[in-house]
Amino acid sequence: MRIFQLYGLTAVALMALSGPALAEGDATKGKAAFAKCGICHQVGPGAKTLVGPELNGTIGRKAASVADYPYSPGMKKLGEEGFTWTEEHMDKWIADPKAMIADSPMALAFPGIPDAAERADIIAYLKTVPAQ
């Protein structure tokens, strides 16, 4: 009986520690919302690095991995540590870049997107853009 109680407590603790699930976004809305990002980033065939790196295939990609882009020391460190852009990481990043990597040009110029639904939409859109 005690073992079942222990398993139950462990399951509850794991659920509490996992945090809230990321909302499912709408890629069509995300494409429109990406216009904010498009000032510095491009996606799609022929995408180029502008102020920020191109974002083709970003979800699942290792941080600081676009060739010839001058990443900040903080972003380079993440890449060296094997950090990969998951949906959850991207959500935190576009919510508040400065909280993740204070020395990033994006953190210095972009305050983030406070609306969780809008972030989820942008992430849903980025998931539709394959690596080139």
C-alpha atoms as a PDB file:
ATOM      1  CA  MET A   1       0.000   0.000   0.000  1.00  0.00           C
ATOM      2  CA  ARG A   2       2.788   2.408   0.946  1.00  0.00           C
ATOM      3  CA  ILE A   3       4.575   1.809  -2.351  1.00  0.00           C
ATOM      4  CA  PHE A   4       1.461   2.926  -4.274  1.00  0.00           C
ATOM      5  CA  GLN A   5       1.288   6.099  -2.182  1.00  0.00           C
ATOM      6  CA  LEU A   6       4.936   6.790  -2.985  1.00  0.00           C
ATOM      7  CA  TYR A   7       4.319   6.297  -6.711  1.00  0.00           C
ATOM      8  CA  GLY A   8       1.311   8.590  -6.519  1.00  0.00           C
ATOM      9  CA  LEU A   9       3.280  11.334  -4.781  1.00  0.00           C
ATOM     10  CA  THR A  10       6.106  10.973  -7.292  1.00  0.00           C
ATOM     11  CA  ALA A  11       3.689  11.311 -10.217  1.00  0.00           C
ATOM     12  CA  VAL A  12       2.110  14.443  -8.722  1.00  0.00           C
ATOM     13  CA  ALA A  13       5.551  15.972  -8.096  1.00  0.00           C
ATOM     14  CA  LEU A  14       6.670  15.282 -11.670  1.00  0.00           C
ATOM     15  CA  MET A  15       3.536  16.874 -13.094  1.00  0.00           C
ATOM     16  CA  ALA A  16       4.044  19.956 -10.937  1.00  0.00           C
ATOM     17  CA  LEU A  17       7.683  20.297 -11.970  1.00  0.00           C
ATOM     18  CA  SER A  18       7.010  19.892 -15.674  1.00  0.00           C
ATOM     19  CA  GLY A  19       5.229  23.258 -15.858  1.00  0.00           C
ATOM     20  CA  PRO A  20       2.351  24.236 -18.083  1.00  0.00           C
ATOM     21  CA  ALA A  21       2.104  22.736 -21.540  1.00  0.00           C
ATOM     22  CA  LEU A  22       2.797  25.037 -24.443  1.00  0.00           C
ATOM     23  CA  ALA A  23      -0.418  26.126 -26.146  1.00  0.00           C
ATOM     24  CA  GLU A  24      -1.060  24.771 -29.630  1.00  0.00           C
ATOM     25  CA  GLY A  25      -0.567  27.612 -32.094  1.00  0.00           C
ATOM     26  CA  ASP A  26      -2.090  28.495 -35.453  1.00  0.00           C
ATOM     27  CA  ALA A  27       0.554  28.561 -38.203  1.00  0.00           C
ATOM     28  CA  THR A  28      -1.547  30.836 -40.437  1.00  0.00           C
ATOM     29  CA  LYS A  29      -1.832  33.441 -37.690  1.00  0.00           C
ATOM     30  CA  GLY A  30       1.839  32.851 -36.910  1.00  0.00           C
ATOM     31  CA  LYS A  31       2.866  33.709 -40.459  1.00  0.00           C
ATOM     32  CA  ALA A  32       1.153  37.091 -40.097  1.00  0.00           C
ATOM     33  CA  ALA A  33       2.605  37.640 -36.616  1.00  0.00           C
ATOM     34  CA  PHE A  34       6.079  36.766 -37.941  1.00  0.00           C
ATOM     35  CA  ALA A  35       6.080  40.175 -39.659  1.00  0.00           C
ATOM     36  CA  LYS A  36       7.452  41.544 -36.363  1.00  0.00           C
ATOM     37  CA  CYS A  37      10.330  39.080 -36.631  1.00  0.00           C
ATOM     38  CA  GLY A  38      10.802  39.703 -40.355  1.00  0.00           C
ATOM     39  CA  ILE A  39      12.393  43.064 -39.671  1.00  0.00           C
ATOM     40  CA  CYS A  40      15.536  41.151 -38.641  1.00  0.00           C
ATOM     41  CA  HIS A  41      14.966  37.531 -39.763  1.00  0.00           C
ATOM     42  CA  GLN A  42      14.032  35.758 -42.999  1.00  0.00           C
ATOM     43  CA  VAL A  43      12.527  32.326 -43.628  1.00  0.00           C
ATOM     44  CA  GLY A  44      11.790  30.266 -46.710  1.00  0.00           C
ATOM     45  CA  PRO A  45      13.685  29.509 -49.915  1.00  0.00           C
ATOM     46  CA  GLY A  46      16.503  31.973 -50.458  1.00  0.00           C
ATOM     47  CA  ALA A  47      16.340  33.272 -46.879  1.00  0.00           C
ATOM     48  CA  LYS A  48      19.364  35.323 -45.932  1.00  0.00           C
ATOM     49  CA  THR A  49      20.868  36.506 -42.709  1.00  0.00           C
ATOM     50  CA  LEU A  50      19.863  40.100 -42.065  1.00  0.00           C
ATOM     51  CA  VAL A  51      20.341  41.679 -38.642  1.00  0.00           C
ATOM     52  CA  GLY A  52      19.539  38.257 -37.186  1.00  0.00           C
ATOM     53  CA  PRO A  53      20.144  34.783 -38.625  1.00  0.00           C
ATOM     54  CA  GLU A  54      17.720  33.150 -41.043  1.00  0.00           C
ATOM     55  CA  LEU A  55      15.235  30.946 -39.200  1.00  0.00           C
ATOM     56  CA  ASN A  56      14.651  28.023 -41.583  1.00  0.00           C
ATOM     57  CA  GLY A  57      14.383  24.805 -39.601  1.00  0.00           C
ATOM     58  CA  THR A  58      14.886  26.593 -36.292  1.00  0.00           C
ATOM     59  CA  ILE A  59      12.806  24.241 -34.141  1.00  0.00           C
ATOM     60  CA  GLY A  60      15.087  21.296 -33.454  1.00  0.00           C
ATOM     61  CA  ARG A  61      18.225  23.155 -34.551  1.00  0.00           C
ATOM     62  CA  LYS A  62      21.272  23.623 -32.346  1.00  0.00           C
ATOM     63  CA  ALA A  63      21.723  27.177 -31.043  1.00  0.00           C
ATOM     64  CA  ALA A  64      24.308  29.393 -32.752  1.00  0.00           C
ATOM     65  CA  SER A  65      24.541  27.090 -35.776  1.00  0.00           C
ATOM     66  CA  VAL A  66      23.964  29.405 -38.753  1.00  0.00           C
ATOM     67  CA  ALA A  67      27.297  29.653 -40.547  1.00  0.00           C
ATOM     68  CA  ASP A  68      29.028  33.032 -40.613  1.00  0.00           C
ATOM     69  CA  TYR A  69      26.564  34.729 -38.259  1.00  0.00           C
ATOM     70  CA  PRO A  70      28.327  36.778 -35.533  1.00  0.00           C
ATOM     71  CA  TYR A  71      26.546  35.342 -32.491  1.00  0.00           C
ATOM     72  CA  SER A  72      26.961  36.957 -29.079  1.00  0.00           C
ATOM     73  CA  PRO A  73      29.200  35.204 -26.528  1.00  0.00           C
ATOM     74  CA  GLY A  74      26.131  34.079 -24.566  1.00  0.00           C
ATOM     75  CA  MET A  75      24.493  32.499 -27.622  1.00  0.00           C
ATOM     76  CA  LYS A  76      27.775  30.860 -28.674  1.00  0.00           C
ATOM     77  CA  LYS A  77      28.077  29.365 -25.195  1.00  0.00           C
ATOM     78  CA  LEU A  78      24.586  27.855 -25.481  1.00  0.00           C
ATOM     79  CA  GLY A  79      25.517  26.343 -28.834  1.00  0.00           C
ATOM     80  CA  GLU A  80      28.745  24.912 -27.433  1.00  0.00           C
ATOM     81  CA  GLU A  81      26.745  23.340 -24.599  1.00  0.00           C
ATOM     82  CA  GLY A  82      24.514  21.576 -27.148  1.00  0.00           C
ATOM     83  CA  PHE A  83      21.394  23.706 -26.533  1.00  0.00           C
ATOM     84  CA  THR A  84      18.686  22.911 -29.081  1.00  0.00           C
ATOM     85  CA  TRP A  85      15.753  25.145 -29.967  1.00  0.00           C
ATOM     86  CA  THR A  86      12.687  23.263 -28.763  1.00  0.00           C
ATOM     87  CA  GLU A  87       9.225  24.802 -28.831  1.00  0.00           C
ATOM     88  CA  GLU A  88       9.532  25.520 -25.110  1.00  0.00           C
ATOM     89  CA  HIS A  89      12.938  27.180 -25.497  1.00  0.00           C
ATOM     90  CA  MET A  90      11.693  29.303 -28.394  1.00  0.00           C
ATOM     91  CA  ASP A  91       8.661  30.337 -26.342  1.00  0.00           C
ATOM     92  CA  LYS A  92      10.886  31.542 -23.496  1.00  0.00           C
ATOM     93  CA  TRP A  93      13.226  33.263 -25.955  1.00  0.00           C
ATOM     94  CA  ILE A  94      10.610  35.286 -27.803  1.00  0.00           C
ATOM     95  CA  ALA A  95       8.758  36.058 -24.569  1.00  0.00           C
ATOM     96  CA  ASP A  96      11.804  37.756 -23.032  1.00  0.00           C
ATOM     97  CA  PRO A  97      15.125  37.455 -24.878  1.00  0.00           C
ATOM     98  CA  LYS A  98      16.964  39.491 -22.262  1.00  0.00           C
ATOM     99  CA  ALA A  99      16.062  36.994 -19.527  1.00  0.00           C
ATOM    100  CA  MET A 100      17.709  34.180 -21.512  1.00  0.00           C
ATOM    101  CA  ILE A 101      20.773  35.799 -23.086  1.00  0.00           C
ATOM    102  CA  ALA A 102      21.322  39.380 -21.985  1.00  0.00           C
ATOM    103  CA  ASP A 103      24.198  40.049 -24.415  1.00  0.00           C
ATOM    104  CA  SER A 104      22.287  39.027 -27.531  1.00  0.00           C
ATOM    105  CA  PRO A 105      21.544  41.770 -30.087  1.00  0.00           C
ATOM    106  CA  MET A 106      17.930  40.569 -30.031  1.00  0.00           C
ATOM    107  CA  ALA A 107      17.792  41.041 -26.259  1.00  0.00           C
ATOM    108  CA  LEU A 108      19.124  44.559 -26.634  1.00  0.00           C
ATOM    109  CA  ALA A 109      16.709  45.603 -29.405  1.00  0.00           C
ATOM    110  CA  PHE A 110      13.556  43.523 -28.933  1.00  0.00           C
ATOM    111  CA  PRO A 111      11.511  43.544 -25.706  1.00  0.00           C
ATOM    112  CA  GLY A 112       9.765  40.263 -26.447  1.00  0.00           C
ATOM    113  CA  ILE A 113       6.177  39.225 -27.099  1.00  0.00           C
ATOM    114  CA  PRO A 114       4.121  39.039 -23.898  1.00  0.00           C
ATOM    115  CA  ASP A 115       1.090  37.345 -25.505  1.00  0.00           C
ATOM    116  CA  ALA A 116       1.413  33.550 -25.099  1.00  0.00           C
ATOM    117  CA  ALA A 117      -1.073  32.827 -27.905  1.00  0.00           C
ATOM    118  CA  GLU A 118       0.840  35.011 -30.356  1.00  0.00           C
ATOM    119  CA  ARG A 119       4.101  33.289 -29.404  1.00  0.00           C
ATOM    120  CA  ALA A 120       2.467  29.883 -29.900  1.00  0.00           C
ATOM    121  CA  ASP A 121       1.263  30.990 -33.344  1.00  0.00           C
ATOM    122  CA  ILE A 122       4.761  32.146 -34.358  1.00  0.00           C
ATOM    123  CA  ILE A 123       6.259  28.872 -33.146  1.00  0.00           C
ATOM    124  CA  ALA A 124       3.613  26.898 -35.066  1.00  0.00           C
ATOM    125  CA  TYR A 125       4.599  28.855 -38.180  1.00  0.00           C
ATOM    126  CA  LEU A 126       8.335  28.287 -37.628  1.00  0.00           C
ATOM    127  CA  LYS A 127       7.637  24.550 -37.373  1.00  0.00           C
ATOM    128  CA  THR A 128       6.303  24.654 -40.960  1.00  0.00           C
ATOM    129  CA  VAL A 129       9.514  26.178 -42.339  1.00  0.00           C
ATOM    130  CA  PRO A 130      12.010  23.399 -43.125  1.00  0.00           C
ATOM    131  CA  ALA A 131      15.772  23.751 -43.054  1.00  0.00           C
ATOM    132  CA  GLN A 132      17.180  24.761 -46.435  1.00  0.00           C
END
